[in-house]
């Protein structure tokens, strides 16, 4: 019984060993190649658990994510014959793992980076040679980098790689042109700033004019409404006076006389010289009777 248990343990261990040697896992971030005695037999594994024949097959995995390679500054000639030192980096990934393996000495990322750098440098040389310093440094950088990406991308396809992006990190200008380029850029920025200030002043002036127009219109409308209300009040007062006169002419005449006295003698220091028998004192005389 003890021997059987011992054999069962040995058999289970052997099975586990065989399973561990024959099974392999491909992750979402992996690309895998299966070999048979050093020859590629399969390179299209998807994520998950896979199997192989131990001792006959072996598997090698590669990173399928986007990789970034930073290159030191290199010298390039412009169309003016000036030397620029440009530091750039490249983003790339493996597109065909079998071709990548055979074209990079067994899938060496170091070899891949070196070959990729040579292709990008050749593209940069050709593109920069057709442009001036100003075009490379300022407005057309995006355009010429897009051209480099297109040229280099077509050449790296045979290596089983895909270029994602090419970017310039820094550009060192020759000493004799650094000052002139800086002055030109400063003038461009000053011109743009002056244009923006002029546009801002125009907008501000337009806003002030619109505010003045609205203020004038508001005051005119208020004056019109006030005059309308005043006219309506005067009309109502006239109607009241007319009705009072029709009912009691003497009282109306007396009220109008008081209003005339108040208006004439309302201010301090006013002096009037009137005849005693004038019309102005008519009601005072009548009230004294």
Protein backbone atom coordinates (compact mmCIF):
# COMPACT_ATOMS: atom_id res chain seq x y z
CA UNK A 1 0.00 0.00 0.00
CA UNK A 2 2.85 2.30 0.77
CA UNK A 3 4.53 1.51 -2.54
CA UNK A 4 1.34 2.34 -4.43
CA UNK A 5 1.07 5.69 -2.67
CA UNK A 6 4.68 6.41 -3.48
CA UNK A 7 4.16 5.55 -7.14
CA UNK A 8 1.01 7.71 -7.25
CA UNK A 9 2.96 10.66 -5.90
CA UNK A 10 5.72 10.12 -8.47
CA UNK A 11 3.16 9.81 -11.29
CA UNK A 12 1.35 12.99 -10.19
CA UNK A 13 4.65 14.85 -10.04
CA UNK A 14 5.58 13.63 -13.50
CA UNK A 15 2.21 14.71 -14.90
CA UNK A 16 2.57 18.12 -13.28
CA UNK A 17 6.07 18.48 -14.72
CA UNK A 18 4.92 17.52 -18.20
CA UNK A 19 1.98 19.94 -17.95
CA UNK A 20 4.20 22.79 -16.81
CA UNK A 21 6.60 22.11 -19.68
CA UNK A 22 3.85 21.86 -22.29
CA UNK A 23 1.53 24.67 -21.22
CA UNK A 24 2.17 28.40 -21.66
CA UNK A 25 0.07 31.55 -21.22
CA UNK A 26 -0.08 34.45 -23.65
CA UNK A 27 -1.20 37.72 -22.03
CA UNK A 28 -3.01 40.62 -23.65
CA UNK A 29 0.28 42.52 -23.84
CA UNK A 30 2.24 39.62 -25.39
CA UNK A 31 3.05 38.28 -28.81
CA UNK A 32 4.36 34.70 -28.97
CA UNK A 33 6.27 32.54 -31.44
CA UNK A 34 6.43 28.73 -31.21
CA UNK A 35 9.53 27.01 -32.55
CA UNK A 36 10.27 23.40 -33.50
CA UNK A 37 13.99 22.75 -33.23
CA UNK A 38 14.66 26.47 -33.82
CA UNK A 39 12.29 26.85 -36.75
CA UNK A 40 9.18 29.05 -36.51
CA UNK A 41 6.03 26.92 -36.73
CA UNK A 42 3.39 29.34 -35.42
CA UNK A 43 3.20 33.07 -34.57
CA UNK A 44 -0.51 33.87 -34.35
CA UNK A 45 -1.33 33.05 -30.73
CA UNK A 46 -4.13 34.98 -29.09
CA UNK A 47 -4.37 35.70 -25.36
CA UNK A 48 -5.01 32.64 -23.21
CA UNK A 49 -3.63 29.17 -22.33
CA UNK A 50 -1.81 27.21 -25.06
CA UNK A 51 0.13 23.96 -25.30
CA UNK A 52 3.25 22.64 -26.99
CA UNK A 53 5.26 19.45 -27.14
CA UNK A 54 7.99 19.51 -24.50
CA UNK A 55 11.62 19.16 -25.65
CA UNK A 56 10.51 19.54 -29.27
CA UNK A 57 8.85 22.95 -29.12
CA UNK A 58 9.80 26.12 -27.32
CA UNK A 59 8.08 29.52 -27.11
CA UNK A 60 9.44 33.06 -27.09
CA UNK A 61 7.34 36.10 -26.13
CA UNK A 62 7.56 39.74 -27.16
CA UNK A 63 5.92 42.97 -25.97
CA UNK A 64 3.04 44.03 -28.22
CA UNK A 65 2.59 47.44 -26.55
CA UNK A 66 3.76 50.78 -28.00
CA UNK A 67 7.45 51.30 -27.27
CA UNK A 68 9.40 54.58 -27.22
CA UNK A 69 13.02 55.01 -28.28
CA UNK A 70 14.88 58.25 -27.52
CA UNK A 71 17.80 59.08 -29.85
CA UNK A 72 20.72 61.42 -29.13
CA UNK A 73 21.15 64.63 -31.11
CA UNK A 74 22.21 64.23 -34.73
CA UNK A 75 23.41 66.82 -37.26
CA UNK A 76 21.27 67.68 -40.29
CA UNK A 77 21.82 70.18 -43.13
CA UNK A 78 19.11 72.63 -44.16
CA UNK A 79 18.53 73.95 -47.69
CA UNK A 80 20.65 76.97 -46.68
CA UNK A 81 23.61 74.74 -45.86
CA UNK A 82 23.25 75.40 -42.12
CA UNK A 83 23.79 72.64 -39.56
CA UNK A 84 21.06 71.80 -37.06
CA UNK A 85 21.48 69.40 -34.15
CA UNK A 86 18.15 67.66 -33.60
CA UNK A 87 17.21 65.33 -30.76
CA UNK A 88 14.16 63.16 -31.55
CA UNK A 89 12.22 60.15 -30.32
CA UNK A 90 10.12 57.49 -32.05
CA UNK A 91 7.06 55.53 -30.93
CA UNK A 92 6.66 52.09 -32.51
CA UNK A 93 5.28 48.59 -31.97
CA UNK A 94 5.58 45.11 -33.44
CA UNK A 95 3.08 44.43 -36.21
CA UNK A 96 4.38 41.09 -37.55
CA UNK A 97 6.17 39.15 -34.82
CA UNK A 98 7.62 36.45 -37.11
CA UNK A 99 9.10 39.01 -39.51
CA UNK A 100 10.29 41.10 -36.58
CA UNK A 101 12.11 38.07 -35.18
CA UNK A 102 13.92 37.24 -38.41
CA UNK A 103 14.84 40.84 -39.29
CA UNK A 104 16.21 41.86 -35.87
CA UNK A 105 18.60 39.01 -35.04
CA UNK A 106 16.15 36.98 -33.03
CA UNK A 107 13.81 39.75 -31.89
CA UNK A 108 16.41 42.02 -30.24
CA UNK A 109 14.85 45.35 -29.27
CA UNK A 110 18.32 46.91 -29.33
CA UNK A 111 18.81 45.84 -32.95
CA UNK A 112 15.27 47.00 -33.78
CA UNK A 113 15.91 50.43 -32.23
CA UNK A 114 19.17 50.81 -34.16
CA UNK A 115 17.63 49.90 -37.52
CA UNK A 116 14.59 52.08 -36.82
CA UNK A 117 16.84 55.02 -35.93
CA UNK A 118 18.78 54.70 -39.18
CA UNK A 119 15.56 54.75 -41.21
CA UNK A 120 14.20 57.80 -39.38
CA UNK A 121 17.52 59.67 -39.70
CA UNK A 122 17.54 59.08 -43.47
CA UNK A 123 13.99 60.44 -43.65
CA UNK A 124 14.90 63.50 -41.58
CA UNK A 125 17.94 64.23 -43.75
CA UNK A 126 15.91 64.22 -46.94
CA UNK A 127 13.06 66.33 -45.54
CA UNK A 128 15.21 68.90 -43.70
CA UNK A 129 17.49 69.32 -46.74
CA UNK A 130 14.48 70.80 -48.61
CA UNK A 131 13.60 73.32 -45.89
CA UNK A 132 15.07 76.47 -44.36
CA UNK A 133 15.89 76.90 -40.69
CA UNK A 134 12.79 79.03 -40.21
CA UNK A 135 10.58 76.35 -41.76
CA UNK A 136 12.08 73.62 -39.59
CA UNK A 137 12.01 75.60 -36.33
CA UNK A 138 8.68 77.39 -36.59
CA UNK A 139 5.52 77.03 -38.62
CA UNK A 140 6.13 73.89 -40.72
CA UNK A 141 7.48 71.52 -38.05
CA UNK A 142 4.28 69.50 -37.87
CA UNK A 143 4.18 69.23 -41.65
CA UNK A 144 7.75 68.02 -42.07
CA UNK A 145 7.45 65.53 -39.17
CA UNK A 146 4.35 64.11 -40.83
CA UNK A 147 6.36 63.69 -44.03
CA UNK A 148 9.15 61.93 -42.11
CA UNK A 149 6.63 59.61 -40.49
CA UNK A 150 5.17 58.73 -43.88
CA UNK A 151 8.57 58.00 -45.47
CA UNK A 152 10.03 56.08 -42.53
CA UNK A 153 6.77 54.21 -41.88
CA UNK A 154 6.83 52.75 -45.38
CA UNK A 155 10.39 51.46 -44.85
CA UNK A 156 9.94 49.81 -41.43
CA UNK A 157 7.04 47.64 -42.59
CA UNK A 158 9.51 45.10 -43.93
CA UNK A 159 10.97 44.75 -40.43
CA UNK A 160 7.66 43.67 -38.93
CA UNK A 161 7.24 47.02 -37.14
CA UNK A 162 4.77 49.90 -37.33
CA UNK A 163 5.80 53.50 -36.60
CA UNK A 164 3.26 55.35 -34.48
CA UNK A 165 4.86 58.79 -34.20
CA UNK A 166 8.05 60.83 -34.64
CA UNK A 167 8.66 63.87 -32.44
CA UNK A 168 11.45 66.42 -32.08
CA UNK A 169 12.59 67.02 -28.50
CA UNK A 170 15.07 69.83 -29.14
CA UNK A 171 16.76 71.75 -31.95
CA UNK A 172 20.15 73.40 -31.49
CA UNK A 173 20.72 76.29 -33.91
CA UNK A 174 24.12 77.43 -35.20
CA UNK A 175 25.47 80.37 -33.21
CA UNK A 176 25.54 82.67 -36.25
CA UNK A 177 21.81 82.25 -36.90
CA UNK A 178 20.46 81.86 -33.38
CA UNK A 179 20.19 85.61 -32.80
CA UNK A 180 18.58 86.36 -36.17
CA UNK A 181 16.05 83.55 -35.79
CA UNK A 182 15.24 84.72 -32.27
CA UNK A 183 14.77 88.32 -33.45
CA UNK A 184 12.52 87.21 -36.28
CA UNK A 185 10.40 85.11 -33.96
CA UNK A 186 10.25 87.98 -31.48
CA UNK A 187 9.07 90.33 -34.24
CA UNK A 188 6.43 87.82 -35.29
CA UNK A 189 5.18 87.51 -31.72
CA UNK A 190 5.19 91.31 -31.30
CA UNK A 191 3.18 91.70 -34.52
CA UNK A 192 0.68 89.09 -33.39
CA UNK A 193 0.39 90.79 -29.98
CA UNK A 194 -0.19 94.19 -31.62
CA UNK A 195 -2.86 92.68 -33.86
CA UNK A 196 -4.60 91.10 -30.89
CA UNK A 197 -4.47 94.39 -28.97
CA UNK A 198 -5.93 96.26 -31.96
CA UNK A 199 -8.72 93.71 -32.29
CA UNK A 200 -9.38 94.01 -28.55
CA UNK A 201 -9.53 97.82 -28.77
CA UNK A 202 -11.97 97.59 -31.67
CA UNK A 203 -14.20 95.22 -29.73
CA UNK A 204 -14.03 97.49 -26.66
CA UNK A 205 -14.93 100.57 -28.74
CA UNK A 206 -17.82 98.72 -30.33
CA UNK A 207 -19.01 97.62 -26.90
CA UNK A 208 -18.83 101.18 -25.53
CA UNK A 209 -20.70 102.53 -28.56
CA UNK A 210 -23.40 99.92 -28.11
CA UNK A 211 -23.66 100.76 -24.40
CA UNK A 212 -23.96 104.51 -25.19
CA UNK A 213 -26.62 103.79 -27.79
CA UNK A 214 -28.61 101.68 -25.35
CA UNK A 215 -28.24 104.38 -22.66
CA UNK A 216 -29.45 107.10 -25.04
CA UNK A 217 -32.32 104.93 -26.17
CA UNK A 218 -33.28 104.12 -22.57
CA UNK A 219 -33.24 107.81 -21.57
CA UNK A 220 -35.28 108.76 -24.64
CA UNK A 221 -37.84 106.08 -23.86
CA UNK A 222 -37.99 107.20 -20.23
CA UNK A 223 -38.47 110.86 -21.25
CA UNK A 224 -41.15 109.85 -23.73
CA UNK A 225 -42.97 107.80 -21.13
CA UNK A 226 -42.67 110.62 -18.56
CA UNK A 227 -44.05 113.17 -21.01
CA UNK A 228 -46.86 110.79 -21.87
CA UNK A 229 -47.74 110.33 -18.22
CA UNK A 230 -47.47 114.09 -17.61
CA UNK A 231 -49.73 114.78 -20.58
CA UNK A 232 -52.24 112.25 -19.33
CA UNK A 233 -52.11 113.92 -15.89
CA UNK A 234 -52.62 117.39 -17.37
CA UNK A 235 -55.52 116.10 -19.42
CA UNK A 236 -57.08 114.52 -16.34
CA UNK A 237 -56.58 117.79 -14.39
CA UNK A 238 -58.16 119.77 -17.21
CA UNK A 239 -61.12 117.41 -17.18
CA UNK A 240 -61.47 117.85 -13.43
CA UNK A 241 -61.25 121.65 -13.75
CA UNK A 242 -63.77 121.66 -16.56
CA UNK A 243 -66.18 119.56 -14.53
CA UNK A 244 -65.66 121.84 -11.50
CA UNK A 245 -66.31 124.94 -13.62
CA UNK A 246 -69.46 123.46 -15.05
CA UNK A 247 -70.75 122.71 -11.57
CA UNK A 248 -69.66 125.93 -9.78
CA UNK A 249 -68.10 128.66 -11.94
CA UNK A 250 -67.50 130.98 -8.98
CA UNK A 251 -65.60 128.33 -6.99
CA UNK A 252 -63.54 127.46 -10.03
CA UNK A 253 -62.69 131.11 -10.61
CA UNK A 254 -61.75 131.45 -6.92
CA UNK A 255 -59.51 128.36 -7.13
CA UNK A 256 -57.77 129.67 -10.22
CA UNK A 257 -57.24 132.99 -8.50
CA UNK A 258 -55.57 131.29 -5.52
CA UNK A 259 -53.33 129.38 -7.87
CA UNK A 260 -52.35 132.64 -9.57
CA UNK A 261 -51.60 134.28 -6.18
CA UNK A 262 -49.50 131.30 -5.11
CA UNK A 263 -47.54 131.28 -8.34
CA UNK A 264 -46.88 134.99 -8.27
CA UNK A 265 -45.96 135.29 -4.58
CA UNK A 266 -44.37 131.90 -4.07
CA UNK A 267 -40.71 133.02 -3.92
CA UNK A 268 -39.11 134.83 -0.99
CA UNK A 269 -38.23 138.43 -1.80
CA UNK A 270 -40.75 138.79 -4.63
CA UNK A 271 -42.34 142.29 -4.87
CA UNK A 272 -45.43 143.11 -6.89
CA UNK A 273 -46.99 146.54 -7.40
CA UNK A 274 -50.67 146.29 -8.21
CA UNK A 275 -53.56 148.70 -8.26
CA UNK A 276 -56.01 148.18 -5.38
CA UNK A 277 -58.95 148.03 -7.72
CA UNK A 278 -57.24 145.60 -10.09
CA UNK A 279 -58.64 142.26 -11.09
CA UNK A 280 -55.96 140.53 -9.03
CA UNK A 281 -57.66 141.52 -5.71
CA UNK A 282 -61.16 140.80 -6.91
CA UNK A 283 -61.79 137.86 -4.55
CA UNK A 284 -60.17 139.51 -1.58
CA UNK A 285 -62.61 142.38 -2.03
CA UNK A 286 -65.52 140.01 -2.42
CA UNK A 287 -64.49 138.04 0.68
CA UNK A 288 -64.37 141.28 2.67
CA UNK A 289 -67.93 142.17 1.89
